[in-house]
Amino acid sequence: MNLASDPLAAATPGGRAEGGRVTAADLDSRRLANLTTPPAPHLTRAEARRIRRAALAELRGRWPIDRLRALPATTDLATAGSILGMAEDKARELARAGDFPAPLIRHGDRYVVPTRPLLALLGIDR
């Protein structure tokens, strides 16, 4: 099969498996990279946030263990919610009500989630 007849392979340049096919692992690694890659400088904050939300939504509840262990000491509420399988709005609602399942640090109008208790909640050793 050539790349022109395979829309999936044609739509995702680079990082193809042998024979030009894109594997699920290739797609997952690209989705994960989108979370840590800084947005292009020409994007507005709203556009960058929309892209990041889409990437988090794709990962919701499906974070690989090695990726969880690579998280920094704290993470934002949207990422913590995604790790626990919930949307950002639900995570924010639980945080405001004091019912978020992991400890939170309130910093102004933002919430920060310590990674170690979050991983302990999931039964993952750092």
PDB file of N, CA and C in Angstrom:
ATOM      1  N   MET A   1       0.857  -1.165   0.000  1.00  0.00           N
ATOM      2  CA  MET A   1       0.000   0.000   0.000  1.00  0.00           C
ATOM      3  C   MET A   1       0.902   1.227   0.000  1.00  0.00           C
ATOM      4  N   ASN A   2       0.634   2.174  -0.871  1.00  0.00           N
ATOM      5  CA  ASN A   2       1.458   3.380  -0.878  1.00  0.00           C
ATOM      6  C   ASN A   2       0.836   4.441   0.020  1.00  0.00           C
ATOM      7  N   LEU A   3       1.643   5.474   0.308  1.00  0.00           N
ATOM      8  CA  LEU A   3       1.187   6.503   1.243  1.00  0.00           C
ATOM      9  C   LEU A   3       0.006   7.300   0.719  1.00  0.00           C
ATOM     10  N   ALA A   4      -0.084   7.444  -0.590  1.00  0.00           N
ATOM     11  CA  ALA A   4      -1.182   8.224  -1.161  1.00  0.00           C
ATOM     12  C   ALA A   4      -2.529   7.558  -0.930  1.00  0.00           C
ATOM     13  N   SER A   5      -2.549   6.217  -0.872  1.00  0.00           N
ATOM     14  CA  SER A   5      -3.818   5.521  -0.685  1.00  0.00           C
ATOM     15  C   SER A   5      -4.136   5.267   0.786  1.00  0.00           C
ATOM     16  N   ASP A   6      -3.216   5.608   1.677  1.00  0.00           N
ATOM     17  CA  ASP A   6      -3.433   5.394   3.102  1.00  0.00           C
ATOM     18  C   ASP A   6      -3.559   6.749   3.798  1.00  0.00           C
ATOM     19  N   PRO A   7      -4.784   7.219   4.056  1.00  0.00           N
ATOM     20  CA  PRO A   7      -4.953   8.555   4.621  1.00  0.00           C
ATOM     21  C   PRO A   7      -4.320   8.707   5.995  1.00  0.00           C
ATOM     22  N   LEU A   8      -4.297   7.645   6.804  1.00  0.00           N
ATOM     23  CA  LEU A   8      -3.703   7.740   8.129  1.00  0.00           C
ATOM     24  C   LEU A   8      -2.205   7.978   8.024  1.00  0.00           C
ATOM     25  N   ALA A   9      -1.541   7.212   7.166  1.00  0.00           N
ATOM     26  CA  ALA A   9      -0.101   7.378   7.002  1.00  0.00           C
ATOM     27  C   ALA A   9       0.216   8.715   6.356  1.00  0.00           C
ATOM     28  N   ALA A  10      -0.589   9.134   5.418  1.00  0.00           N
ATOM     29  CA  ALA A  10      -0.332  10.401   4.730  1.00  0.00           C
ATOM     30  C   ALA A  10      -0.571  11.590   5.653  1.00  0.00           C
ATOM     31  N   ALA A  11      -1.481  11.440   6.595  1.00  0.00           N
ATOM     32  CA  ALA A  11      -1.822  12.560   7.473  1.00  0.00           C
ATOM     33  C   ALA A  11      -0.855  12.717   8.635  1.00  0.00           C
ATOM     34  N   THR A  12      -0.006  11.722   8.869  1.00  0.00           N
ATOM     35  CA  THR A  12       0.908  11.793   9.999  1.00  0.00           C
ATOM     36  C   THR A  12       2.334  11.622   9.505  1.00  0.00           C
ATOM     37  N   PRO A  13       3.002  12.697   9.116  1.00  0.00           N
ATOM     38  CA  PRO A  13       4.344  12.598   8.567  1.00  0.00           C
ATOM     39  C   PRO A  13       5.372  12.203   9.616  1.00  0.00           C
ATOM     40  N   GLY A  14       6.398  11.498   9.178  1.00  0.00           N
ATOM     41  CA  GLY A  14       7.513  11.143  10.047  1.00  0.00           C
ATOM     42  C   GLY A  14       7.150  10.074  11.053  1.00  0.00           C
ATOM     43  N   GLY A  15       8.176   9.388  11.590  1.00  0.00           N
ATOM     44  CA  GLY A  15       7.967   8.416  12.645  1.00  0.00           C
ATOM     45  C   GLY A  15       7.162   7.208  12.228  1.00  0.00           C
ATOM     46  N   ARG A  16       7.179   6.869  10.962  1.00  0.00           N
ATOM     47  CA  ARG A  16       6.384   5.731  10.496  1.00  0.00           C
ATOM     48  C   ARG A  16       7.104   4.423  10.785  1.00  0.00           C
ATOM     49  N   ALA A  17       6.335   3.407  10.996  1.00  0.00           N
ATOM     50  CA  ALA A  17       6.880   2.076  11.180  1.00  0.00           C
ATOM     51  C   ALA A  17       7.365   1.556   9.834  1.00  0.00           C
ATOM     52  N   GLU A  18       7.957   0.399   9.858  1.00  0.00           N
ATOM     53  CA  GLU A  18       8.479  -0.213   8.638  1.00  0.00           C
ATOM     54  C   GLU A  18       7.382  -0.300   7.583  1.00  0.00           C
ATOM     55  N   GLY A  19       7.693   0.068   6.366  1.00  0.00           N
ATOM     56  CA  GLY A  19       6.724   0.011   5.286  1.00  0.00           C
ATOM     57  C   GLY A  19       5.864   1.259   5.182  1.00  0.00           C
ATOM     58  N   GLY A  20       6.146   2.269   5.993  1.00  0.00           N
ATOM     59  CA  GLY A  20       5.401   3.515   5.886  1.00  0.00           C
ATOM     60  C   GLY A  20       4.103   3.553   6.672  1.00  0.00           C
ATOM     61  N   ARG A  21       3.736   2.455   7.345  1.00  0.00           N
ATOM     62  CA  ARG A  21       2.491   2.432   8.124  1.00  0.00           C
ATOM     63  C   ARG A  21       2.710   3.103   9.473  1.00  0.00           C
ATOM     64  N   VAL A  22       1.698   3.756   9.941  1.00  0.00           N
ATOM     65  CA  VAL A  22       1.743   4.374  11.257  1.00  0.00           C
ATOM     66  C   VAL A  22       1.107   3.403  12.240  1.00  0.00           C
ATOM     67  N   THR A  23       1.828   3.116  13.315  1.00  0.00           N
ATOM     68  CA  THR A  23       1.300   2.197  14.320  1.00  0.00           C
ATOM     69  C   THR A  23       0.608   2.989  15.425  1.00  0.00           C
ATOM     70  N   ALA A  24      -0.143   2.279  16.248  1.00  0.00           N
ATOM     71  CA  ALA A  24      -0.810   2.928  17.379  1.00  0.00           C
ATOM     72  C   ALA A  24       0.221   3.520  18.333  1.00  0.00           C
ATOM     73  N   ALA A  25       1.362   2.831  18.492  1.00  0.00           N
ATOM     74  CA  ALA A  25       2.418   3.346  19.367  1.00  0.00           C
ATOM     75  C   ALA A  25       2.972   4.667  18.839  1.00  0.00           C
ATOM     76  N   ASP A  26       3.112   4.776  17.512  1.00  0.00           N
ATOM     77  CA  ASP A  26       3.584   6.036  16.918  1.00  0.00           C
ATOM     78  C   ASP A  26       2.622   7.167  17.253  1.00  0.00           C
ATOM     79  N   LEU A  27       1.330   6.894  17.103  1.00  0.00           N
ATOM     80  CA  LEU A  27       0.332   7.930  17.373  1.00  0.00           C
ATOM     81  C   LEU A  27       0.307   8.304  18.846  1.00  0.00           C
ATOM     82  N   ASP A  28       0.389   7.293  19.747  1.00  0.00           N
ATOM     83  CA  ASP A  28       0.392   7.577  21.176  1.00  0.00           C
ATOM     84  C   ASP A  28       1.600   8.412  21.568  1.00  0.00           C
ATOM     85  N   SER A  29       2.777   8.091  21.013  1.00  0.00           N
ATOM     86  CA  SER A  29       3.968   8.857  21.376  1.00  0.00           C
ATOM     87  C   SER A  29       3.852  10.293  20.888  1.00  0.00           C
ATOM     88  N   ARG A  30       3.218  10.510  19.747  1.00  0.00           N
ATOM     89  CA  ARG A  30       3.028  11.877  19.259  1.00  0.00           C
ATOM     90  C   ARG A  30       2.048  12.640  20.138  1.00  0.00           C
ATOM     91  N   ARG A  31       0.990  11.968  20.594  1.00  0.00           N
ATOM     92  CA  ARG A  31       0.020  12.631  21.473  1.00  0.00           C
ATOM     93  C   ARG A  31       0.680  13.030  22.787  1.00  0.00           C
ATOM     94  N   LEU A  32       1.529  12.138  23.332  1.00  0.00           N
ATOM     95  CA  LEU A  32       2.224  12.450  24.573  1.00  0.00           C
ATOM     96  C   LEU A  32       3.194  13.603  24.375  1.00  0.00           C
ATOM     97  N   ALA A  33       3.871  13.631  23.238  1.00  0.00           N
ATOM     98  CA  ALA A  33       4.819  14.713  22.962  1.00  0.00           C
ATOM     99  C   ALA A  33       4.103  16.051  22.883  1.00  0.00           C
ATOM    100  N   ASN A  34       2.860  16.063  22.442  1.00  0.00           N
ATOM    101  CA  ASN A  34       2.108  17.315  22.340  1.00  0.00           C
ATOM    102  C   ASN A  34       1.903  17.974  23.700  1.00  0.00           C
ATOM    103  N   LEU A  35       1.919  17.180  24.776  1.00  0.00           N
ATOM    104  CA  LEU A  35       1.689  17.741  26.102  1.00  0.00           C
ATOM    105  C   LEU A  35       2.892  18.514  26.613  1.00  0.00           C
ATOM    106  N   THR A  36       4.099  18.083  26.227  1.00  0.00           N
ATOM    107  CA  THR A  36       5.301  18.713  26.753  1.00  0.00           C
ATOM    108  C   THR A  36       5.948  19.674  25.775  1.00  0.00           C
ATOM    109  N   THR A  37       5.547  19.631  24.526  1.00  0.00           N
ATOM    110  CA  THR A  37       6.117  20.535  23.539  1.00  0.00           C
ATOM    111  C   THR A  37       5.503  21.919  23.705  1.00  0.00           C
ATOM    112  N   PRO A  38       6.353  22.953  23.870  1.00  0.00           N
ATOM    113  CA  PRO A  38       5.765  24.283  24.001  1.00  0.00           C
ATOM    114  C   PRO A  38       5.023  24.679  22.734  1.00  0.00           C
ATOM    115  N   PRO A  39       3.947  25.424  22.863  1.00  0.00           N
ATOM    116  CA  PRO A  39       3.182  25.807  21.680  1.00  0.00           C
ATOM    117  C   PRO A  39       3.996  26.727  20.776  1.00  0.00           C
ATOM    118  N   ALA A  40       3.650  26.731  19.520  1.00  0.00           N
ATOM    119  CA  ALA A  40       4.324  27.599  18.557  1.00  0.00           C
ATOM    120  C   ALA A  40       4.129  29.054  18.976  1.00  0.00           C
ATOM    121  N   PRO A  41       5.138  29.904  18.755  1.00  0.00           N
ATOM    122  CA  PRO A  41       5.042  31.285  19.230  1.00  0.00           C
ATOM    123  C   PRO A  41       3.930  32.102  18.572  1.00  0.00           C
ATOM    124  N   HIS A  42       3.439  31.657  17.419  1.00  0.00           N
ATOM    125  CA  HIS A  42       2.404  32.424  16.741  1.00  0.00           C
ATOM    126  C   HIS A  42       0.992  32.124  17.252  1.00  0.00           C
ATOM    127  N   LEU A  43       0.852  31.149  18.156  1.00  0.00           N
ATOM    128  CA  LEU A  43      -0.467  30.811  18.690  1.00  0.00           C
ATOM    129  C   LEU A  43      -0.844  31.763  19.820  1.00  0.00           C
ATOM    130  N   THR A  44      -2.102  32.074  19.897  1.00  0.00           N
ATOM    131  CA  THR A  44      -2.579  32.851  21.038  1.00  0.00           C
ATOM    132  C   THR A  44      -2.676  31.916  22.236  1.00  0.00           C
ATOM    133  N   ARG A  45      -2.810  32.476  23.416  1.00  0.00           N
ATOM    134  CA  ARG A  45      -2.946  31.635  24.610  1.00  0.00           C
ATOM    135  C   ARG A  45      -4.175  30.740  24.522  1.00  0.00           C
ATOM    136  N   ALA A  46      -5.259  31.285  24.001  1.00  0.00           N
ATOM    137  CA  ALA A  46      -6.497  30.502  23.881  1.00  0.00           C
ATOM    138  C   ALA A  46      -6.304  29.326  22.929  1.00  0.00           C
ATOM    139  N   GLU A  47      -5.612  29.553  21.810  1.00  0.00           N
ATOM    140  CA  GLU A  47      -5.364  28.462  20.858  1.00  0.00           C
ATOM    141  C   GLU A  47      -4.457  27.405  21.477  1.00  0.00           C
ATOM    142  N   ALA A  48      -3.405  27.842  22.161  1.00  0.00           N
ATOM    143  CA  ALA A  48      -2.490  26.895  22.803  1.00  0.00           C
ATOM    144  C   ALA A  48      -3.223  26.083  23.866  1.00  0.00           C
ATOM    145  N   ARG A  49      -4.097  26.730  24.625  1.00  0.00           N
ATOM    146  CA  ARG A  49      -4.859  26.024  25.660  1.00  0.00           C
ATOM    147  C   ARG A  49      -5.816  25.008  25.039  1.00  0.00           C
ATOM    148  N   ARG A  50      -6.444  25.380  23.920  1.00  0.00           N
ATOM    149  CA  ARG A  50      -7.363  24.467  23.241  1.00  0.00           C
ATOM    150  C   ARG A  50      -6.611  23.229  22.737  1.00  0.00           C
ATOM    151  N   ILE A  51      -5.418  23.421  22.190  1.00  0.00           N
ATOM    152  CA  ILE A  51      -4.609  22.296  21.709  1.00  0.00           C
ATOM    153  C   ILE A  51      -4.222  21.394  22.876  1.00  0.00           C
ATOM    154  N   ARG A  52      -3.802  21.998  23.988  1.00  0.00           N
ATOM    155  CA  ARG A  52      -3.403  21.210  25.155  1.00  0.00           C
ATOM    156  C   ARG A  52      -4.588  20.440  25.727  1.00  0.00           C
ATOM    157  N   ARG A  53      -5.757  21.078  25.789  1.00  0.00           N
ATOM    158  CA  ARG A  53      -6.956  20.385  26.283  1.00  0.00           C
ATOM    159  C   ARG A  53      -7.298  19.183  25.413  1.00  0.00           C
ATOM    160  N   ALA A  54      -7.168  19.334  24.101  1.00  0.00           N
ATOM    161  CA  ALA A  54      -7.459  18.223  23.189  1.00  0.00           C
ATOM    162  C   ALA A  54      -6.491  17.072  23.432  1.00  0.00           C
ATOM    163  N   ALA A  55      -5.223  17.394  23.642  1.00  0.00           N
ATOM    164  CA  ALA A  55      -4.230  16.348  23.899  1.00  0.00           C
ATOM    165  C   ALA A  55      -4.522  15.644  25.221  1.00  0.00           C
ATOM    166  N   LEU A  56      -4.894  16.402  26.254  1.00  0.00           N
ATOM    167  CA  LEU A  56      -5.237  15.792  27.540  1.00  0.00           C
ATOM    168  C   LEU A  56      -6.487  14.930  27.432  1.00  0.00           C
ATOM    169  N   ALA A  57      -7.457  15.376  26.657  1.00  0.00           N
ATOM    170  CA  ALA A  57      -8.697  14.611  26.493  1.00  0.00           C
ATOM    171  C   ALA A  57      -8.422  13.273  25.827  1.00  0.00           C
ATOM    172  N   GLU A  58      -7.487  13.247  24.875  1.00  0.00           N
ATOM    173  CA  GLU A  58      -7.156  11.986  24.206  1.00  0.00           C
ATOM    174  C   GLU A  58      -6.499  11.011  25.167  1.00  0.00           C
ATOM    175  N   LEU A  59      -5.759  11.520  26.147  1.00  0.00           N
ATOM    176  CA  LEU A  59      -5.055  10.662  27.094  1.00  0.00           C
ATOM    177  C   LEU A  59      -5.881  10.315  28.321  1.00  0.00           C
ATOM    178  N   ARG A  60      -7.008  10.938  28.494  1.00  0.00           N
ATOM    179  CA  ARG A  60      -7.780  10.809  29.719  1.00  0.00           C
ATOM    180  C   ARG A  60      -7.885   9.361  30.182  1.00  0.00           C
ATOM    181  N   GLY A  61      -7.307   9.096  31.347  1.00  0.00           N
ATOM    182  CA  GLY A  61      -7.374   7.765  31.936  1.00  0.00           C
ATOM    183  C   GLY A  61      -6.470   6.731  31.291  1.00  0.00           C
ATOM    184  N   ARG A  62      -5.599   7.126  30.328  1.00  0.00           N
ATOM    185  CA  ARG A  62      -4.754   6.146  29.638  1.00  0.00           C
ATOM    186  C   ARG A  62      -3.276   6.562  29.678  1.00  0.00           C
ATOM    187  N   TRP A  63      -2.803   7.050  30.783  1.00  0.00           N
ATOM    188  CA  TRP A  63      -1.424   7.509  30.888  1.00  0.00           C
ATOM    189  C   TRP A  63      -0.500   6.317  31.134  1.00  0.00           C
ATOM    190  N   PRO A  64       0.559   6.162  30.341  1.00  0.00           N
ATOM    191  CA  PRO A  64       1.530   5.082  30.585  1.00  0.00           C
ATOM    192  C   PRO A  64       2.289   5.335  31.896  1.00  0.00           C
ATOM    193  N   ILE A  65       2.655   4.265  32.584  1.00  0.00           N
ATOM    194  CA  ILE A  65       3.320   4.388  33.883  1.00  0.00           C
ATOM    195  C   ILE A  65       4.628   5.158  33.773  1.00  0.00           C
ATOM    196  N   ASP A  66       5.419   4.906  32.730  1.00  0.00           N
ATOM    197  CA  ASP A  66       6.691   5.623  32.607  1.00  0.00           C
ATOM    198  C   ASP A  66       6.463   7.120  32.424  1.00  0.00           C
ATOM    199  N   ARG A  67       5.383   7.482  31.775  1.00  0.00           N
ATOM    200  CA  ARG A  67       5.047   8.893  31.591  1.00  0.00           C
ATOM    201  C   ARG A  67       4.615   9.518  32.922  1.00  0.00           C
ATOM    202  N   LEU A  68       3.891   8.758  33.737  1.00  0.00           N
ATOM    203  CA  LEU A  68       3.485   9.248  35.053  1.00  0.00           C
ATOM    204  C   LEU A  68       4.701   9.466  35.949  1.00  0.00           C
ATOM    205  N   ARG A  69       5.641   8.532  35.906  1.00  0.00           N
ATOM    206  CA  ARG A  69       6.850   8.662  36.726  1.00  0.00           C
ATOM    207  C   ARG A  69       7.724   9.830  36.283  1.00  0.00           C
ATOM    208  N   ALA A  70       7.586  10.257  35.046  1.00  0.00           N
ATOM    209  CA  ALA A  70       8.396  11.361  34.522  1.00  0.00           C
ATOM    210  C   ALA A  70       7.800  12.733  34.846  1.00  0.00           C
ATOM    211  N   LEU A  71       6.638  12.772  35.470  1.00  0.00           N
ATOM    212  CA  LEU A  71       6.018  14.061  35.813  1.00  0.00           C
ATOM    213  C   LEU A  71       6.879  14.818  36.823  1.00  0.00           C
ATOM    214  N   PRO A  72       6.843  16.154  36.792  1.00  0.00           N
ATOM    215  CA  PRO A  72       7.585  16.938  37.792  1.00  0.00           C
ATOM    216  C   PRO A  72       6.956  16.796  39.179  1.00  0.00           C
ATOM    217  N   ALA A  73       7.531  17.454  40.161  1.00  0.00           N
ATOM    218  CA  ALA A  73       7.070  17.339  41.550  1.00  0.00           C
ATOM    219  C   ALA A  73       5.614  17.760  41.724  1.00  0.00           C
ATOM    220  N   THR A  74       5.175  18.745  40.945  1.00  0.00           N
ATOM    221  CA  THR A  74       3.770  19.155  40.969  1.00  0.00           C
ATOM    222  C   THR A  74       3.260  19.250  39.540  1.00  0.00           C
ATOM    223  N   THR A  75       1.957  19.154  39.410  1.00  0.00           N
ATOM    224  CA  THR A  75       1.336  19.286  38.094  1.00  0.00           C
ATOM    225  C   THR A  75       0.074  20.129  38.233  1.00  0.00           C
ATOM    226  N   ASP A  76      -0.454  20.552  37.122  1.00  0.00           N
ATOM    227  CA  ASP A  76      -1.658  21.386  37.182  1.00  0.00           C
ATOM    228  C   ASP A  76      -2.904  20.515  37.337  1.00  0.00           C
ATOM    229  N   LEU A  77      -3.995  21.149  37.665  1.00  0.00           N
ATOM    230  CA  LEU A  77      -5.248  20.446  37.935  1.00  0.00           C
ATOM    231  C   LEU A  77      -5.775  19.711  36.703  1.00  0.00           C
ATOM    232  N   ALA A  78      -5.635  20.312  35.519  1.00  0.00           N
ATOM    233  CA  ALA A  78      -6.124  19.674  34.292  1.00  0.00           C
ATOM    234  C   ALA A  78      -5.387  18.367  34.021  1.00  0.00           C
ATOM    235  N   THR A  79      -4.070  18.360  34.216  1.00  0.00           N
ATOM    236  CA  THR A  79      -3.285  17.144  33.995  1.00  0.00           C
ATOM    237  C   THR A  79      -3.640  16.087  35.032  1.00  0.00           C
ATOM    238  N   ALA A  80      -3.740  16.486  36.293  1.00  0.00           N
ATOM    239  CA  ALA A  80      -4.105  15.537  37.348  1.00  0.00           C
ATOM    240  C   ALA A  80      -5.483  14.939  37.081  1.00  0.00           C
ATOM    241  N   GLY A  81      -6.419  15.770  36.662  1.00  0.00           N
ATOM    242  CA  GLY A  81      -7.753  15.268  36.328  1.00  0.00           C
ATOM    243  C   GLY A  81      -7.709  14.294  35.174  1.00  0.00           C
ATOM    244  N   SER A  82      -6.913  14.598  34.159  1.00  0.00           N
ATOM    245  CA  SER A  82      -6.778  13.705  33.008  1.00  0.00           C
ATOM    246  C   SER A  82      -6.202  12.358  33.430  1.00  0.00           C
ATOM    247  N   ILE A  83      -5.214  12.387  34.317  1.00  0.00           N
ATOM    248  CA  ILE A  83      -4.609  11.149  34.810  1.00  0.00           C
ATOM    249  C   ILE A  83      -5.657  10.300  35.523  1.00  0.00           C
ATOM    250  N   LEU A  84      -6.555  10.956  36.243  1.00  0.00           N
ATOM    251  CA  LEU A  84      -7.603  10.240  36.980  1.00  0.00           C
ATOM    252  C   LEU A  84      -8.836   9.939  36.134  1.00  0.00           C
ATOM    253  N   GLY A  85      -8.804  10.345  34.860  1.00  0.00           N
ATOM    254  CA  GLY A  85      -9.894  10.001  33.950  1.00  0.00           C
ATOM    255  C   GLY A  85     -11.051  10.972  33.936  1.00  0.00           C
ATOM    256  N   MET A  86     -10.815  12.211  34.346  1.00  0.00           N
ATOM    257  CA  MET A  86     -11.915  13.178  34.358  1.00  0.00           C
ATOM    258  C   MET A  86     -11.573  14.400  33.507  1.00  0.00           C
ATOM    259  N   ALA A  87     -12.596  15.065  33.059  1.00  0.00           N
ATOM    260  CA  ALA A  87     -12.423  16.283  32.270  1.00  0.00           C
ATOM    261  C   ALA A  87     -11.968  17.421  33.179  1.00  0.00           C
ATOM    262  N   GLU A  88     -11.391  18.445  32.574  1.00  0.00           N
ATOM    263  CA  GLU A  88     -10.886  19.584  33.347  1.00  0.00           C
ATOM    264  C   GLU A  88     -11.998  20.266  34.140  1.00  0.00           C
ATOM    265  N   ASP A  89     -13.172  20.405  33.558  1.00  0.00           N
ATOM    266  CA  ASP A  89     -14.289  21.051  34.261  1.00  0.00           C
ATOM    267  C   ASP A  89     -14.688  20.269  35.510  1.00  0.00           C
ATOM    268  N   LYS A  90     -14.721  18.949  35.402  1.00  0.00           N
ATOM    269  CA  LYS A  90     -15.076  18.107  36.553  1.00  0.00           C
ATOM    270  C   LYS A  90     -14.001  18.206  37.630  1.00  0.00           C
ATOM    271  N   ALA A  91     -12.728  18.195  37.216  1.00  0.00           N
ATOM    272  CA  ALA A  91     -11.630  18.318  38.176  1.00  0.00           C
ATOM    273  C   ALA A  91     -11.726  19.648  38.923  1.00  0.00           C
ATOM    274  N   ARG A  92     -12.010  20.720  38.202  1.00  0.00           N
ATOM    275  CA  ARG A  92     -12.129  22.042  38.816  1.00  0.00           C
ATOM    276  C   ARG A  92     -13.334  22.089  39.772  1.00  0.00           C
ATOM    277  N   GLU A  93     -14.430  21.468  39.364  1.00  0.00           N
ATOM    278  CA  GLU A  93     -15.632  21.425  40.218  1.00  0.00           C
ATOM    279  C   GLU A  93     -15.331  20.697  41.530  1.00  0.00           C
ATOM    280  N   LEU A  94     -14.656  19.547  41.439  1.00  0.00           N
ATOM    281  CA  LEU A  94     -14.306  18.786  42.642  1.00  0.00           C
ATOM    282  C   LEU A  94     -13.329  19.560  43.521  1.00  0.00           C
ATOM    283  N   ALA A  95     -12.384  20.253  42.891  1.00  0.00           N
ATOM    284  CA  ALA A  95     -11.405  21.037  43.652  1.00  0.00           C
ATOM    285  C   ALA A  95     -12.099  22.159  44.422  1.00  0.00           C
ATOM    286  N   ARG A  96     -13.004  22.853  43.778  1.00  0.00           N
ATOM    287  CA  ARG A  96     -13.727  23.955  44.441  1.00  0.00           C
ATOM    288  C   ARG A  96     -14.562  23.451  45.615  1.00  0.00           C
ATOM    289  N   ALA A  97     -15.123  22.251  45.449  1.00  0.00           N
ATOM    290  CA  ALA A  97     -15.954  21.676  46.510  1.00  0.00           C
ATOM    291  C   ALA A  97     -15.117  21.015  47.606  1.00  0.00           C
ATOM    292  N   GLY A  98     -13.799  20.906  47.389  1.00  0.00           N
ATOM    293  CA  GLY A  98     -12.930  20.240  48.361  1.00  0.00           C
ATOM    294  C   GLY A  98     -12.995  18.734  48.277  1.00  0.00           C
ATOM    295  N   ASP A  99     -13.497  18.199  47.161  1.00  0.00           N
ATOM    296  CA  ASP A  99     -13.673  16.757  47.009  1.00  0.00           C
ATOM    297  C   ASP A  99     -12.707  16.114  46.022  1.00  0.00           C
ATOM    298  N   PHE A 100     -11.679  16.841  45.574  1.00  0.00           N
ATOM    299  CA  PHE A 100     -10.729  16.242  44.633  1.00  0.00           C
ATOM    300  C   PHE A 100     -10.013  15.104  45.353  1.00  0.00           C
ATOM    301  N   PRO A 101      -9.842  13.939  44.704  1.00  0.00           N
ATOM    302  CA  PRO A 101      -9.321  12.761  45.401  1.00  0.00           C
ATOM    303  C   PRO A 101      -7.848  12.831  45.796  1.00  0.00           C
ATOM    304  N   ALA A 102      -7.106  13.817  45.335  1.00  0.00           N
ATOM    305  CA  ALA A 102      -5.693  13.972  45.698  1.00  0.00           C
ATOM    306  C   ALA A 102      -5.519  15.311  46.410  1.00  0.00           C
ATOM    307  N   PRO A 103      -4.457  15.440  47.207  1.00  0.00           N
ATOM    308  CA  PRO A 103      -4.221  16.725  47.877  1.00  0.00           C
ATOM    309  C   PRO A 103      -3.981  17.846  46.867  1.00  0.00           C
ATOM    310  N   LEU A 104      -4.438  19.035  47.198  1.00  0.00           N
ATOM    311  CA  LEU A 104      -4.282  20.198  46.322  1.00  0.00           C
ATOM    312  C   LEU A 104      -3.573  21.323  47.062  1.00  0.00           C
ATOM    313  N   ILE A 105      -2.835  22.113  46.305  1.00  0.00           N
ATOM    314  CA  ILE A 105      -2.244  23.338  46.822  1.00  0.00           C
ATOM    315  C   ILE A 105      -2.883  24.470  46.038  1.00  0.00           C
ATOM    316  N   ARG A 106      -3.507  25.380  46.756  1.00  0.00           N
ATOM    317  CA  ARG A 106      -4.137  26.512  46.074  1.00  0.00           C
ATOM    318  C   ARG A 106      -3.111  27.635  45.968  1.00  0.00           C
ATOM    319  N   HIS A 107      -2.943  28.116  44.758  1.00  0.00           N
ATOM    320  CA  HIS A 107      -1.982  29.188  44.490  1.00  0.00           C
ATOM    321  C   HIS A 107      -2.728  30.293  43.755  1.00  0.00           C
ATOM    322  N   GLY A 108      -3.252  31.254  44.506  1.00  0.00           N
ATOM    323  CA  GLY A 108      -4.085  32.294  43.899  1.00  0.00           C
ATOM    324  C   GLY A 108      -5.378  31.682  43.405  1.00  0.00           C
ATOM    325  N   ASP A 109      -5.654  31.836  42.116  1.00  0.00           N
ATOM    326  CA  ASP A 109      -6.862  31.226  41.551  1.00  0.00           C
ATOM    327  C   ASP A 109      -6.556  29.899  40.865  1.00  0.00           C
ATOM    328  N   ARG A 110      -5.325  29.414  41.012  1.00  0.00           N
ATOM    329  CA  ARG A 110      -4.920  28.132  40.409  1.00  0.00           C
ATOM    330  C   ARG A 110      -4.793  27.057  41.476  1.00  0.00           C
ATOM    331  N   TYR A 111      -4.882  25.813  41.025  1.00  0.00           N
ATOM    332  CA  TYR A 111      -4.637  24.675  41.892  1.00  0.00           C
ATOM    333  C   TYR A 111      -3.426  23.932  41.356  1.00  0.00           C
ATOM    334  N   VAL A 112      -2.565  23.486  42.272  1.00  0.00           N
ATOM    335  CA  VAL A 112      -1.403  22.686  41.918  1.00  0.00           C
ATOM    336  C   VAL A 112      -1.539  21.365  42.665  1.00  0.00           C
ATOM    337  N   VAL A 113      -1.212  20.275  41.984  1.00  0.00           N
ATOM    338  CA  VAL A 113      -1.361  18.947  42.575  1.00  0.00           C
ATOM    339  C   VAL A 113       0.021  18.326  42.749  1.00  0.00           C
ATOM    340  N   PRO A 114       0.418  17.981  43.993  1.00  0.00           N
ATOM    341  CA  PRO A 114       1.685  17.283  44.190  1.00  0.00           C
ATOM    342  C   PRO A 114       1.635  15.907  43.517  1.00  0.00           C
ATOM    343  N   THR A 115       2.685  15.576  42.808  1.00  0.00           N
ATOM    344  CA  THR A 115       2.687  14.346  42.015  1.00  0.00           C
ATOM    345  C   THR A 115       2.776  13.092  42.879  1.00  0.00           C
ATOM    346  N   ARG A 116       3.595  13.122  43.926  1.00  0.00           N
ATOM    347  CA  ARG A 116       3.803  11.915  44.736  1.00  0.00           C
ATOM    348  C   ARG A 116       2.493  11.367  45.321  1.00  0.00           C
ATOM    349  N   PRO A 117       1.642  12.179  45.968  1.00  0.00           N
ATOM    350  CA  PRO A 117       0.366  11.639  46.463  1.00  0.00           C
ATOM    351  C   PRO A 117      -0.572  11.187  45.336  1.00  0.00           C
ATOM    352  N   LEU A 118      -0.477  11.851  44.192  1.00  0.00           N
ATOM    353  CA  LEU A 118      -1.299  11.455  43.045  1.00  0.00           C
ATOM    354  C   LEU A 118      -0.900  10.058  42.570  1.00  0.00           C
ATOM    355  N   LEU A 119       0.410   9.811  42.491  1.00  0.00           N
ATOM    356  CA  LEU A 119       0.883   8.483  42.086  1.00  0.00           C
ATOM    357  C   LEU A 119       0.553   7.439  43.152  1.00  0.00           C
ATOM    358  N   ALA A 120       0.647   7.820  44.429  1.00  0.00           N
ATOM    359  CA  ALA A 120       0.297   6.891  45.508  1.00  0.00           C
ATOM    360  C   ALA A 120      -1.179   6.500  45.427  1.00  0.00           C
ATOM    361  N   LEU A 121      -2.028   7.457  45.078  1.00  0.00           N
ATOM    362  CA  LEU A 121      -3.454   7.181  44.901  1.00  0.00           C
ATOM    363  C   LEU A 121      -3.672   6.114  43.829  1.00  0.00           C
ATOM    364  N   LEU A 122      -2.825   6.136  42.798  1.00  0.00           N
ATOM    365  CA  LEU A 122      -2.924   5.164  41.710  1.00  0.00           C
ATOM    366  C   LEU A 122      -2.160   3.875  41.995  1.00  0.00           C
ATOM    367  N   GLY A 123      -1.450   3.828  43.129  1.00  0.00           N
ATOM    368  CA  GLY A 123      -0.680   2.638  43.479  1.00  0.00           C
ATOM    369  C   GLY A 123       0.613   2.515  42.701  1.00  0.00           C
ATOM    370  N   ILE A 124       1.201   3.646  42.317  1.00  0.00           N
ATOM    371  CA  ILE A 124       2.440   3.642  41.536  1.00  0.00           C
ATOM    372  C   ILE A 124       3.562   4.190  42.401  1.00  0.00           C
ATOM    373  N   ASP A 125       4.658   3.432  42.505  1.00  0.00           N
ATOM    374  CA  ASP A 125       5.843   3.905  43.224  1.00  0.00           C
ATOM    375  C   ASP A 125       6.637   4.816  42.321  1.00  0.00           C
ATOM    376  N   ARG A 126       7.166   5.869  42.891  1.00  0.00           N
ATOM    377  CA  ARG A 126       7.967   6.801  42.097  1.00  0.00           C
ATOM    378  C   ARG A 126       9.311   6.202  41.937  1.00  0.00           C
TER     379      ARG A 126
END
